[in-house]
Amino acid sequence: MLLVPLYEHPADRPDDWELLIRSAGRLHSVVLNPASGPGETPDARFEAVARRLREAGVPVLGYTDTDYGRRPHAEVVRDLLRHRDWYGADGAFLDQASPDPALLPHYGRLAVAARAAGARTLVLNPGVHPHPGYAELADLLVTFEGPWDAYRDAAVPPWTADHPAQRFCHLVYAVPPGAPAAELAEQRGAAVHCAVPGTGAHPWGTLPHALGAAL
């Protein structure tokens, strides 16, 4: 299954958003990220695509930056509520999550707040394998985010075998056409993934190879 973080405005990339909606049956979820979070005011274009994704049965995850535990709890909760109230988000994507065991209580409180705000799907993205305790907090852990060159030789710690593959996601960018990213994710115990061709500072402005071929 594909978790797709498409960080592009629907007005700029309407065809890509249409393809996502048409591909609902292949999607685990889509991350909605109007402005590195919900922004300061609602955006009608994002509201429209979020509504159509939900109608197609795709969980919509509101992007919220946690700044590796440095961002105040109240600011994170504000973003969660804005995503819910403005875009009807039924899930949360907590980005830049810390992997540090010392911050487990902080993220435990954020998890409770996200559930209270209506998140039926909670994703934590440390981008690396965190302390195993984080697996108890979220429905899905992103345990790899990085370029294909690093992913080819990435290692998986033994504790991940104690959990179903549906609990893990790998996000890989700078992936060349034909690269076996999906196969590697499956071999490494991650049932959810996204492999995109994008590079540089903004790789998540491209669709995954698995969908791009259908354009």
N, C-alpha and C. Protein backbone atom coordinates (compact mmCIF):
# COMPACT_ATOMS: atom_id res chain seq x y z
N MET A 1 0.85 -1.20 0.00
CA MET A 1 0.00 0.00 0.00
C MET A 1 0.88 1.25 0.00
N LEU A 2 0.34 2.32 -0.54
CA LEU A 2 1.10 3.55 -0.69
C LEU A 2 0.61 4.63 0.28
N LEU A 3 1.51 5.18 1.05
CA LEU A 3 1.27 6.42 1.77
C LEU A 3 1.91 7.52 0.95
N VAL A 4 1.11 8.47 0.50
CA VAL A 4 1.61 9.47 -0.45
C VAL A 4 1.65 10.85 0.19
N PRO A 5 2.84 11.41 0.39
CA PRO A 5 2.96 12.79 0.83
C PRO A 5 3.17 13.71 -0.39
N LEU A 6 2.08 14.16 -0.97
CA LEU A 6 2.17 15.04 -2.15
C LEU A 6 2.11 16.49 -1.68
N TYR A 7 3.27 17.12 -1.58
CA TYR A 7 3.35 18.47 -1.04
C TYR A 7 3.32 19.49 -2.17
N GLU A 8 2.20 19.49 -2.88
CA GLU A 8 1.97 20.42 -3.98
C GLU A 8 0.54 20.95 -3.88
N HIS A 9 0.35 22.19 -4.29
CA HIS A 9 -0.99 22.78 -4.23
C HIS A 9 -1.86 22.21 -5.34
N PRO A 10 -3.12 21.88 -5.05
CA PRO A 10 -4.00 21.34 -6.09
C PRO A 10 -4.17 22.25 -7.29
N ALA A 11 -4.05 23.57 -7.10
CA ALA A 11 -4.17 24.48 -8.23
C ALA A 11 -2.97 24.38 -9.17
N ASP A 12 -1.82 24.01 -8.63
CA ASP A 12 -0.61 23.90 -9.43
C ASP A 12 -0.46 22.53 -10.09
N ARG A 13 -0.97 21.49 -9.41
CA ARG A 13 -0.80 20.13 -9.92
C ARG A 13 -2.14 19.38 -9.91
N PRO A 14 -3.14 19.91 -10.59
CA PRO A 14 -4.47 19.28 -10.53
C PRO A 14 -4.48 17.85 -11.05
N ASP A 15 -3.69 17.56 -12.09
CA ASP A 15 -3.71 16.21 -12.64
C ASP A 15 -3.18 15.19 -11.64
N ASP A 16 -2.15 15.58 -10.89
CA ASP A 16 -1.60 14.66 -9.89
C ASP A 16 -2.63 14.35 -8.80
N TRP A 17 -3.34 15.37 -8.35
CA TRP A 17 -4.37 15.13 -7.33
C TRP A 17 -5.50 14.29 -7.88
N GLU A 18 -5.88 14.51 -9.13
CA GLU A 18 -6.91 13.69 -9.74
C GLU A 18 -6.48 12.22 -9.81
N LEU A 19 -5.22 12.01 -10.15
CA LEU A 19 -4.72 10.64 -10.21
C LEU A 19 -4.75 9.98 -8.84
N LEU A 20 -4.38 10.73 -7.81
CA LEU A 20 -4.45 10.17 -6.46
C LEU A 20 -5.87 9.72 -6.14
N ILE A 21 -6.83 10.57 -6.43
CA ILE A 21 -8.22 10.23 -6.12
C ILE A 21 -8.67 9.00 -6.91
N ARG A 22 -8.26 8.92 -8.18
CA ARG A 22 -8.62 7.75 -8.99
C ARG A 22 -7.93 6.48 -8.51
N SER A 23 -6.83 6.63 -7.81
CA SER A 23 -6.03 5.49 -7.36
C SER A 23 -6.37 5.09 -5.92
N ALA A 24 -7.53 5.47 -5.45
CA ALA A 24 -7.88 5.28 -4.04
C ALA A 24 -7.65 3.85 -3.55
N GLY A 25 -7.95 2.87 -4.38
CA GLY A 25 -7.83 1.48 -3.95
C GLY A 25 -6.41 1.04 -3.67
N ARG A 26 -5.43 1.81 -4.11
CA ARG A 26 -4.03 1.44 -3.91
C ARG A 26 -3.38 2.22 -2.76
N LEU A 27 -4.16 3.10 -2.14
CA LEU A 27 -3.58 4.02 -1.17
C LEU A 27 -3.88 3.60 0.27
N HIS A 28 -2.85 3.66 1.08
CA HIS A 28 -3.02 3.54 2.53
C HIS A 28 -3.57 4.84 3.09
N SER A 29 -3.01 5.97 2.59
CA SER A 29 -3.40 7.30 3.07
C SER A 29 -2.67 8.34 2.24
N VAL A 30 -3.13 9.60 2.38
CA VAL A 30 -2.49 10.74 1.73
C VAL A 30 -2.24 11.81 2.77
N VAL A 31 -1.04 12.38 2.75
CA VAL A 31 -0.68 13.45 3.68
C VAL A 31 -1.08 14.79 3.07
N LEU A 32 -1.86 15.55 3.82
CA LEU A 32 -2.30 16.88 3.38
C LEU A 32 -1.42 17.92 4.06
N ASN A 33 -0.75 18.74 3.25
CA ASN A 33 0.24 19.67 3.79
C ASN A 33 0.13 21.03 3.08
N PRO A 34 -0.87 21.85 3.43
CA PRO A 34 -1.06 23.12 2.73
C PRO A 34 0.09 24.11 2.90
N ALA A 35 0.71 24.16 4.10
CA ALA A 35 1.74 25.19 4.35
C ALA A 35 2.66 24.75 5.47
N SER A 36 3.37 23.62 5.26
CA SER A 36 4.15 23.01 6.33
C SER A 36 3.29 22.85 7.59
N GLY A 37 2.07 22.42 7.37
CA GLY A 37 1.03 22.35 8.38
C GLY A 37 -0.27 22.83 7.75
N PRO A 38 -1.27 23.14 8.56
CA PRO A 38 -2.55 23.56 8.00
C PRO A 38 -2.56 24.98 7.47
N GLY A 39 -1.53 25.79 7.80
CA GLY A 39 -1.53 27.19 7.42
C GLY A 39 -2.28 28.05 8.42
N GLU A 40 -2.42 29.32 8.09
CA GLU A 40 -3.06 30.27 8.99
C GLU A 40 -4.54 30.48 8.69
N THR A 41 -4.94 30.15 7.47
CA THR A 41 -6.35 30.26 7.08
C THR A 41 -6.71 29.06 6.22
N PRO A 42 -7.98 28.68 6.17
CA PRO A 42 -8.37 27.53 5.34
C PRO A 42 -8.14 27.80 3.85
N ASP A 43 -7.83 26.74 3.12
CA ASP A 43 -7.61 26.80 1.68
C ASP A 43 -8.68 25.92 1.02
N ALA A 44 -9.55 26.54 0.24
CA ALA A 44 -10.68 25.83 -0.34
C ALA A 44 -10.25 24.70 -1.28
N ARG A 45 -9.12 24.87 -1.99
CA ARG A 45 -8.67 23.83 -2.92
C ARG A 45 -8.26 22.57 -2.16
N PHE A 46 -7.55 22.76 -1.04
CA PHE A 46 -7.17 21.60 -0.24
C PHE A 46 -8.39 20.96 0.41
N GLU A 47 -9.35 21.78 0.82
CA GLU A 47 -10.57 21.23 1.41
C GLU A 47 -11.28 20.35 0.40
N ALA A 48 -11.30 20.78 -0.86
CA ALA A 48 -12.01 20.02 -1.90
C ALA A 48 -11.35 18.67 -2.16
N VAL A 49 -10.01 18.65 -2.28
CA VAL A 49 -9.36 17.36 -2.56
C VAL A 49 -9.42 16.46 -1.34
N ALA A 50 -9.35 17.04 -0.14
CA ALA A 50 -9.46 16.23 1.07
C ALA A 50 -10.83 15.57 1.14
N ARG A 51 -11.87 16.33 0.82
CA ARG A 51 -13.22 15.77 0.85
C ARG A 51 -13.37 14.64 -0.16
N ARG A 52 -12.83 14.82 -1.36
CA ARG A 52 -12.96 13.78 -2.38
C ARG A 52 -12.16 12.53 -2.02
N LEU A 53 -11.00 12.71 -1.41
CA LEU A 53 -10.23 11.55 -0.96
C LEU A 53 -11.01 10.78 0.10
N ARG A 54 -11.58 11.49 1.06
CA ARG A 54 -12.34 10.82 2.10
C ARG A 54 -13.54 10.09 1.50
N GLU A 55 -14.21 10.73 0.56
CA GLU A 55 -15.36 10.09 -0.10
C GLU A 55 -14.95 8.82 -0.85
N ALA A 56 -13.69 8.79 -1.31
CA ALA A 56 -13.17 7.61 -2.00
C ALA A 56 -12.63 6.57 -1.03
N GLY A 57 -12.73 6.86 0.27
CA GLY A 57 -12.29 5.90 1.27
C GLY A 57 -10.84 5.98 1.67
N VAL A 58 -10.16 7.08 1.33
CA VAL A 58 -8.74 7.24 1.62
C VAL A 58 -8.57 8.08 2.89
N PRO A 59 -7.89 7.59 3.92
CA PRO A 59 -7.60 8.42 5.08
C PRO A 59 -6.76 9.63 4.70
N VAL A 60 -7.16 10.79 5.21
CA VAL A 60 -6.44 12.04 4.98
C VAL A 60 -5.69 12.40 6.25
N LEU A 61 -4.37 12.46 6.15
CA LEU A 61 -3.51 12.71 7.30
C LEU A 61 -3.07 14.18 7.30
N GLY A 62 -3.40 14.91 8.34
CA GLY A 62 -2.97 16.29 8.45
C GLY A 62 -1.51 16.39 8.85
N TYR A 63 -0.71 17.04 8.02
CA TYR A 63 0.73 17.20 8.30
C TYR A 63 0.94 18.16 9.45
N THR A 64 1.69 17.70 10.45
CA THR A 64 2.02 18.54 11.60
C THR A 64 3.47 18.32 11.98
N ASP A 65 4.25 19.38 12.00
CA ASP A 65 5.67 19.32 12.36
C ASP A 65 5.81 19.30 13.88
N THR A 66 6.60 18.36 14.40
CA THR A 66 6.86 18.33 15.85
C THR A 66 8.27 18.78 16.20
N ASP A 67 9.11 19.07 15.19
CA ASP A 67 10.46 19.59 15.40
C ASP A 67 11.24 18.75 16.41
N TYR A 68 11.17 17.42 16.25
CA TYR A 68 11.94 16.48 17.08
C TYR A 68 11.70 16.70 18.58
N GLY A 69 10.46 17.05 18.91
CA GLY A 69 10.08 17.24 20.30
C GLY A 69 10.27 18.64 20.84
N ARG A 70 10.81 19.54 20.00
CA ARG A 70 11.06 20.90 20.49
C ARG A 70 9.84 21.81 20.36
N ARG A 71 8.91 21.45 19.49
CA ARG A 71 7.75 22.31 19.29
C ARG A 71 6.77 22.14 20.45
N PRO A 72 6.26 23.22 21.01
CA PRO A 72 5.38 23.11 22.17
C PRO A 72 4.13 22.28 21.88
N HIS A 73 3.71 21.54 22.88
CA HIS A 73 2.53 20.69 22.78
C HIS A 73 1.33 21.47 22.25
N ALA A 74 1.10 22.67 22.78
CA ALA A 74 -0.08 23.44 22.40
C ALA A 74 -0.07 23.81 20.93
N GLU A 75 1.11 24.09 20.35
CA GLU A 75 1.18 24.44 18.93
C GLU A 75 0.85 23.23 18.05
N VAL A 76 1.35 22.06 18.45
CA VAL A 76 1.04 20.85 17.69
C VAL A 76 -0.46 20.57 17.74
N VAL A 77 -1.06 20.69 18.92
CA VAL A 77 -2.49 20.43 19.05
C VAL A 77 -3.30 21.44 18.23
N ARG A 78 -2.86 22.69 18.21
CA ARG A 78 -3.55 23.70 17.38
C ARG A 78 -3.59 23.27 15.93
N ASP A 79 -2.46 22.77 15.42
CA ASP A 79 -2.43 22.32 14.02
C ASP A 79 -3.34 21.10 13.81
N LEU A 80 -3.34 20.18 14.76
CA LEU A 80 -4.22 19.02 14.64
C LEU A 80 -5.68 19.44 14.53
N LEU A 81 -6.07 20.40 15.35
CA LEU A 81 -7.46 20.85 15.35
C LEU A 81 -7.79 21.62 14.08
N ARG A 82 -6.84 22.40 13.57
CA ARG A 82 -7.08 23.10 12.31
C ARG A 82 -7.26 22.12 11.15
N HIS A 83 -6.42 21.10 11.10
CA HIS A 83 -6.58 20.09 10.06
C HIS A 83 -7.96 19.44 10.15
N ARG A 84 -8.40 19.15 11.35
CA ARG A 84 -9.72 18.52 11.51
C ARG A 84 -10.84 19.48 11.11
N ASP A 85 -10.77 20.71 11.61
CA ASP A 85 -11.88 21.64 11.42
C ASP A 85 -11.93 22.22 10.01
N TRP A 86 -10.77 22.45 9.39
CA TRP A 86 -10.74 23.07 8.08
C TRP A 86 -10.82 22.06 6.94
N TYR A 87 -10.19 20.90 7.13
CA TYR A 87 -10.05 19.95 6.02
C TYR A 87 -10.69 18.60 6.30
N GLY A 88 -11.29 18.45 7.47
CA GLY A 88 -11.91 17.17 7.79
C GLY A 88 -10.92 16.03 7.90
N ALA A 89 -9.66 16.33 8.20
CA ALA A 89 -8.64 15.28 8.29
C ALA A 89 -9.07 14.24 9.33
N ASP A 90 -8.99 12.97 8.94
CA ASP A 90 -9.36 11.90 9.86
C ASP A 90 -8.14 11.14 10.36
N GLY A 91 -6.95 11.71 10.11
CA GLY A 91 -5.71 11.14 10.60
C GLY A 91 -4.68 12.23 10.79
N ALA A 92 -3.56 11.86 11.40
CA ALA A 92 -2.48 12.82 11.68
C ALA A 92 -1.15 12.23 11.26
N PHE A 93 -0.32 13.08 10.64
CA PHE A 93 1.04 12.71 10.25
C PHE A 93 1.98 13.62 11.04
N LEU A 94 2.53 13.10 12.12
CA LEU A 94 3.42 13.89 12.97
C LEU A 94 4.84 13.74 12.45
N ASP A 95 5.30 14.79 11.78
CA ASP A 95 6.59 14.76 11.10
C ASP A 95 7.70 15.20 12.05
N GLN A 96 8.95 14.88 11.62
CA GLN A 96 10.13 15.21 12.41
C GLN A 96 9.92 14.80 13.87
N ALA A 97 9.48 13.55 14.02
CA ALA A 97 9.32 12.97 15.35
C ALA A 97 10.68 12.53 15.88
N SER A 98 10.87 12.66 17.16
CA SER A 98 12.12 12.24 17.77
C SER A 98 12.15 10.73 17.91
N PRO A 99 13.33 10.11 17.74
CA PRO A 99 13.47 8.68 18.01
C PRO A 99 13.93 8.40 19.44
N ASP A 100 14.15 9.44 20.24
CA ASP A 100 14.80 9.37 21.54
C ASP A 100 13.85 8.80 22.60
N PRO A 101 14.27 7.79 23.36
CA PRO A 101 13.39 7.24 24.40
C PRO A 101 13.02 8.27 25.47
N ALA A 102 13.87 9.28 25.68
CA ALA A 102 13.57 10.28 26.70
C ALA A 102 12.33 11.09 26.36
N LEU A 103 11.95 11.13 25.08
CA LEU A 103 10.79 11.92 24.66
C LEU A 103 9.53 11.08 24.46
N LEU A 104 9.58 9.83 24.86
CA LEU A 104 8.39 8.99 24.76
C LEU A 104 7.19 9.59 25.50
N PRO A 105 7.35 10.13 26.71
CA PRO A 105 6.18 10.73 27.38
C PRO A 105 5.59 11.90 26.60
N HIS A 106 6.45 12.73 26.01
CA HIS A 106 5.96 13.87 25.21
C HIS A 106 5.13 13.37 24.03
N TYR A 107 5.64 12.38 23.33
CA TYR A 107 4.91 11.88 22.17
C TYR A 107 3.69 11.06 22.59
N GLY A 108 3.76 10.47 23.77
CA GLY A 108 2.57 9.81 24.28
C GLY A 108 1.43 10.78 24.50
N ARG A 109 1.74 11.97 25.02
CA ARG A 109 0.71 13.00 25.21
C ARG A 109 0.20 13.50 23.87
N LEU A 110 1.10 13.66 22.90
CA LEU A 110 0.65 14.08 21.56
C LEU A 110 -0.25 13.02 20.93
N ALA A 111 0.07 11.76 21.14
CA ALA A 111 -0.77 10.70 20.59
C ALA A 111 -2.17 10.76 21.20
N VAL A 112 -2.26 10.98 22.49
CA VAL A 112 -3.57 11.10 23.14
C VAL A 112 -4.33 12.30 22.57
N ALA A 113 -3.61 13.43 22.38
CA ALA A 113 -4.25 14.63 21.84
C ALA A 113 -4.73 14.40 20.42
N ALA A 114 -3.93 13.69 19.61
CA ALA A 114 -4.33 13.42 18.23
C ALA A 114 -5.58 12.55 18.19
N ARG A 115 -5.64 11.54 19.04
CA ARG A 115 -6.83 10.70 19.08
C ARG A 115 -8.04 11.52 19.52
N ALA A 116 -7.84 12.38 20.52
CA ALA A 116 -8.94 13.21 21.00
C ALA A 116 -9.42 14.18 19.92
N ALA A 117 -8.52 14.57 19.01
CA ALA A 117 -8.88 15.46 17.90
C ALA A 117 -9.49 14.70 16.73
N GLY A 118 -9.70 13.40 16.88
CA GLY A 118 -10.40 12.64 15.86
C GLY A 118 -9.52 11.83 14.93
N ALA A 119 -8.23 11.71 15.21
CA ALA A 119 -7.33 10.98 14.33
C ALA A 119 -7.57 9.47 14.48
N ARG A 120 -8.14 8.88 13.45
CA ARG A 120 -8.32 7.43 13.46
C ARG A 120 -7.06 6.72 12.99
N THR A 121 -6.23 7.42 12.23
CA THR A 121 -4.93 6.89 11.79
C THR A 121 -3.85 7.86 12.26
N LEU A 122 -2.93 7.37 13.09
CA LEU A 122 -1.85 8.20 13.61
C LEU A 122 -0.52 7.67 13.10
N VAL A 123 0.20 8.55 12.38
CA VAL A 123 1.50 8.19 11.82
C VAL A 123 2.56 9.05 12.49
N LEU A 124 3.61 8.41 12.98
CA LEU A 124 4.78 9.11 13.49
C LEU A 124 5.92 8.93 12.50
N ASN A 125 6.62 10.03 12.17
CA ASN A 125 7.71 9.96 11.20
C ASN A 125 9.02 10.46 11.81
N PRO A 126 9.75 9.56 12.48
CA PRO A 126 11.11 9.91 12.85
C PRO A 126 12.09 9.77 11.68
N GLY A 127 11.68 9.01 10.65
CA GLY A 127 12.53 8.82 9.48
C GLY A 127 13.67 7.85 9.68
N VAL A 128 13.79 7.32 10.91
CA VAL A 128 14.77 6.30 11.26
C VAL A 128 14.08 5.33 12.20
N HIS A 129 14.74 4.25 12.55
CA HIS A 129 14.16 3.34 13.53
C HIS A 129 14.31 3.97 14.92
N PRO A 130 13.20 4.28 15.58
CA PRO A 130 13.27 4.90 16.89
C PRO A 130 13.38 3.85 17.98
N HIS A 131 13.34 4.31 19.21
CA HIS A 131 13.23 3.39 20.33
C HIS A 131 11.97 2.53 20.14
N PRO A 132 12.03 1.23 20.45
CA PRO A 132 10.86 0.37 20.20
C PRO A 132 9.58 0.85 20.88
N GLY A 133 9.68 1.63 21.94
CA GLY A 133 8.48 2.12 22.61
C GLY A 133 7.59 2.96 21.74
N TYR A 134 8.14 3.56 20.70
CA TYR A 134 7.32 4.39 19.81
C TYR A 134 6.31 3.56 19.02
N ALA A 135 6.59 2.28 18.86
CA ALA A 135 5.66 1.42 18.13
C ALA A 135 4.34 1.26 18.87
N GLU A 136 4.34 1.52 20.17
CA GLU A 136 3.10 1.40 20.95
C GLU A 136 2.23 2.64 20.82
N LEU A 137 2.77 3.73 20.31
CA LEU A 137 2.03 4.99 20.28
C LEU A 137 1.24 5.21 19.00
N ALA A 138 1.74 4.69 17.90
CA ALA A 138 1.18 5.05 16.59
C ALA A 138 0.62 3.83 15.88
N ASP A 139 -0.25 4.08 14.92
CA ASP A 139 -0.72 3.01 14.04
C ASP A 139 0.35 2.65 13.01
N LEU A 140 1.15 3.65 12.64
CA LEU A 140 2.16 3.45 11.61
C LEU A 140 3.40 4.27 11.95
N LEU A 141 4.56 3.62 11.87
CA LEU A 141 5.84 4.30 12.09
C LEU A 141 6.60 4.39 10.77
N VAL A 142 7.04 5.59 10.42
CA VAL A 142 7.93 5.75 9.27
C VAL A 142 9.35 5.56 9.79
N THR A 143 9.94 4.41 9.46
CA THR A 143 11.26 4.07 10.01
C THR A 143 12.39 4.30 9.01
N PHE A 144 12.05 4.77 7.83
CA PHE A 144 13.07 5.23 6.88
C PHE A 144 12.49 6.37 6.06
N GLU A 145 13.22 7.47 5.99
CA GLU A 145 12.96 8.52 5.01
C GLU A 145 14.30 9.01 4.51
N GLY A 146 14.54 8.83 3.23
CA GLY A 146 15.82 9.23 2.68
C GLY A 146 15.95 8.81 1.24
N PRO A 147 17.14 9.03 0.65
CA PRO A 147 17.34 8.75 -0.77
C PRO A 147 17.56 7.26 -1.04
N TRP A 148 17.33 6.91 -2.30
CA TRP A 148 17.48 5.53 -2.73
C TRP A 148 18.87 4.98 -2.44
N ASP A 149 19.91 5.79 -2.66
CA ASP A 149 21.27 5.31 -2.45
C ASP A 149 21.48 4.83 -1.02
N ALA A 150 20.84 5.50 -0.06
CA ALA A 150 20.94 5.07 1.34
C ALA A 150 20.02 3.88 1.62
N TYR A 151 18.89 3.85 0.95
CA TYR A 151 17.91 2.79 1.22
C TYR A 151 18.40 1.42 0.76
N ARG A 152 19.16 1.40 -0.30
CA ARG A 152 19.59 0.11 -0.85
C ARG A 152 20.29 -0.74 0.20
N ASP A 153 21.05 -0.11 1.10
CA ASP A 153 21.83 -0.85 2.09
C ASP A 153 21.34 -0.63 3.52
N ALA A 154 20.12 -0.12 3.67
CA ALA A 154 19.62 0.17 5.01
C ALA A 154 19.40 -1.12 5.80
N ALA A 155 19.69 -1.05 7.10
CA ALA A 155 19.51 -2.20 7.99
C ALA A 155 18.22 -2.06 8.78
N VAL A 156 17.69 -3.19 9.21
CA VAL A 156 16.45 -3.22 9.99
C VAL A 156 16.76 -3.89 11.33
N PRO A 157 16.50 -3.21 12.46
CA PRO A 157 16.80 -3.81 13.75
C PRO A 157 15.88 -4.99 14.08
N PRO A 158 16.34 -5.93 14.88
CA PRO A 158 15.54 -7.13 15.14
C PRO A 158 14.19 -6.86 15.80
N TRP A 159 14.05 -5.80 16.58
CA TRP A 159 12.79 -5.60 17.32
C TRP A 159 11.60 -5.39 16.38
N THR A 160 11.84 -4.97 15.15
CA THR A 160 10.72 -4.73 14.25
C THR A 160 9.96 -6.03 13.93
N ALA A 161 10.64 -7.17 14.05
CA ALA A 161 9.99 -8.45 13.75
C ALA A 161 8.90 -8.78 14.77
N ASP A 162 8.85 -8.06 15.88
CA ASP A 162 7.82 -8.29 16.89
C ASP A 162 6.50 -7.64 16.54
N HIS A 163 6.45 -6.92 15.41
CA HIS A 163 5.26 -6.18 15.02
C HIS A 163 4.87 -6.53 13.59
N PRO A 164 3.58 -6.43 13.26
CA PRO A 164 3.16 -6.72 11.88
C PRO A 164 3.75 -5.71 10.90
N ALA A 165 3.92 -6.14 9.67
CA ALA A 165 4.47 -5.26 8.64
C ALA A 165 3.57 -4.06 8.40
N GLN A 166 2.28 -4.17 8.69
CA GLN A 166 1.35 -3.06 8.50
C GLN A 166 1.62 -1.89 9.43
N ARG A 167 2.54 -2.06 10.37
CA ARG A 167 2.85 -0.99 11.32
C ARG A 167 4.04 -0.14 10.87
N PHE A 168 4.65 -0.47 9.72
CA PHE A 168 5.87 0.21 9.30
C PHE A 168 5.75 0.74 7.88
N CYS A 169 6.38 1.91 7.66
CA CYS A 169 6.38 2.58 6.36
C CYS A 169 7.79 3.06 6.04
N HIS A 170 8.17 2.96 4.76
CA HIS A 170 9.44 3.49 4.29
C HIS A 170 9.15 4.51 3.18
N LEU A 171 9.73 5.70 3.33
CA LEU A 171 9.57 6.77 2.35
C LEU A 171 10.92 7.00 1.66
N VAL A 172 10.96 6.78 0.37
CA VAL A 172 12.23 6.81 -0.36
C VAL A 172 12.12 7.77 -1.54
N TYR A 173 13.10 8.65 -1.66
CA TYR A 173 13.11 9.58 -2.79
C TYR A 173 14.38 9.39 -3.62
N ALA A 174 14.45 10.12 -4.72
CA ALA A 174 15.55 9.96 -5.68
C ALA A 174 15.64 8.51 -6.15
N VAL A 175 14.49 7.92 -6.38
CA VAL A 175 14.42 6.51 -6.80
C VAL A 175 14.42 6.46 -8.32
N PRO A 176 15.37 5.76 -8.93
CA PRO A 176 15.38 5.66 -10.39
C PRO A 176 14.27 4.75 -10.89
N PRO A 177 13.82 4.96 -12.12
CA PRO A 177 12.80 4.08 -12.69
C PRO A 177 13.23 2.62 -12.66
N GLY A 178 12.31 1.76 -12.28
CA GLY A 178 12.61 0.33 -12.26
C GLY A 178 13.31 -0.17 -11.01
N ALA A 179 13.69 0.72 -10.11
CA ALA A 179 14.35 0.28 -8.88
C ALA A 179 13.36 -0.51 -8.02
N PRO A 180 13.83 -1.58 -7.37
CA PRO A 180 12.91 -2.47 -6.63
C PRO A 180 12.58 -1.96 -5.23
N ALA A 181 12.11 -0.73 -5.13
CA ALA A 181 11.84 -0.15 -3.81
C ALA A 181 10.72 -0.89 -3.10
N ALA A 182 9.64 -1.20 -3.80
CA ALA A 182 8.53 -1.91 -3.16
C ALA A 182 8.96 -3.28 -2.66
N GLU A 183 9.75 -3.97 -3.46
CA GLU A 183 10.22 -5.29 -3.06
C GLU A 183 11.11 -5.22 -1.83
N LEU A 184 11.99 -4.21 -1.79
CA LEU A 184 12.86 -4.06 -0.62
C LEU A 184 12.05 -3.72 0.62
N ALA A 185 11.06 -2.86 0.48
CA ALA A 185 10.22 -2.53 1.63
C ALA A 185 9.55 -3.79 2.18
N GLU A 186 9.02 -4.61 1.29
CA GLU A 186 8.36 -5.84 1.74
C GLU A 186 9.36 -6.77 2.42
N GLN A 187 10.55 -6.92 1.85
CA GLN A 187 11.56 -7.79 2.45
C GLN A 187 11.97 -7.29 3.83
N ARG A 188 11.91 -5.98 4.03
CA ARG A 188 12.34 -5.40 5.31
C ARG A 188 11.19 -5.20 6.28
N GLY A 189 10.06 -5.81 5.99
CA GLY A 189 8.97 -5.81 6.94
C GLY A 189 8.15 -4.56 6.98
N ALA A 190 8.08 -3.81 5.88
CA ALA A 190 7.27 -2.60 5.81
C ALA A 190 6.20 -2.80 4.74
N ALA A 191 4.94 -2.89 5.17
CA ALA A 191 3.85 -3.12 4.23
C ALA A 191 3.39 -1.84 3.54
N VAL A 192 3.84 -0.69 4.04
CA VAL A 192 3.46 0.61 3.48
C VAL A 192 4.74 1.29 3.02
N HIS A 193 4.68 1.95 1.86
CA HIS A 193 5.87 2.64 1.37
C HIS A 193 5.45 3.73 0.39
N CYS A 194 6.45 4.53 -0.01
CA CYS A 194 6.29 5.46 -1.11
C CYS A 194 7.67 5.66 -1.72
N ALA A 195 7.79 5.49 -3.02
CA ALA A 195 9.06 5.64 -3.73
C ALA A 195 8.86 6.63 -4.86
N VAL A 196 9.51 7.79 -4.75
CA VAL A 196 9.30 8.86 -5.72
C VAL A 196 10.60 9.22 -6.43
N PRO A 197 10.51 9.81 -7.63
CA PRO A 197 11.72 10.22 -8.34
C PRO A 197 12.30 11.54 -7.87
N GLY A 198 11.54 12.31 -7.09
CA GLY A 198 11.96 13.65 -6.70
C GLY A 198 13.28 13.67 -5.95
N THR A 199 14.02 14.77 -6.11
CA THR A 199 15.33 14.92 -5.46
C THR A 199 15.41 16.31 -4.83
N GLY A 200 16.54 16.57 -4.20
CA GLY A 200 16.82 17.90 -3.67
C GLY A 200 16.02 18.20 -2.41
N ALA A 201 15.79 19.49 -2.18
CA ALA A 201 15.14 19.94 -0.95
C ALA A 201 13.65 19.68 -0.94
N HIS A 202 13.06 19.37 -2.09
CA HIS A 202 11.61 19.19 -2.18
C HIS A 202 11.28 17.93 -2.99
N PRO A 203 11.66 16.75 -2.46
CA PRO A 203 11.41 15.53 -3.25
C PRO A 203 9.94 15.11 -3.26
N TRP A 204 9.16 15.58 -2.26
CA TRP A 204 7.78 15.10 -2.14
C TRP A 204 6.80 15.96 -2.94
N GLY A 205 7.28 16.53 -4.00
CA GLY A 205 6.41 17.20 -4.96
C GLY A 205 6.17 16.33 -6.19
N THR A 206 6.56 15.07 -6.10
CA THR A 206 6.40 14.14 -7.22
C THR A 206 5.58 12.94 -6.76
N LEU A 207 4.85 12.34 -7.70
CA LEU A 207 4.07 11.15 -7.40
C LEU A 207 4.98 9.92 -7.35
N PRO A 208 4.56 8.91 -6.61
CA PRO A 208 5.34 7.67 -6.61
C PRO A 208 5.38 7.03 -7.99
N HIS A 209 6.48 6.35 -8.26
CA HIS A 209 6.61 5.66 -9.54
C HIS A 209 5.42 4.76 -9.81
N ALA A 210 4.90 4.12 -8.77
CA ALA A 210 3.81 3.15 -8.94
C ALA A 210 2.56 3.80 -9.52
N LEU A 211 2.40 5.09 -9.30
CA LEU A 211 1.24 5.79 -9.86
C LEU A 211 1.59 6.64 -11.08
N GLY A 212 2.82 7.14 -11.11
CA GLY A 212 3.22 8.05 -12.18
C GLY A 212 3.10 7.44 -13.56
N ALA A 213 3.27 6.12 -13.65
CA ALA A 213 3.19 5.45 -14.94
C ALA A 213 1.80 5.52 -15.54
N ALA A 214 0.81 5.81 -14.65
CA ALA A 214 -0.58 5.84 -15.14
C ALA A 214 -0.98 7.20 -15.66
N LEU A 215 -0.09 8.22 -15.54
CA LEU A 215 -0.45 9.55 -16.02
C LEU A 215 -0.59 9.57 -17.54
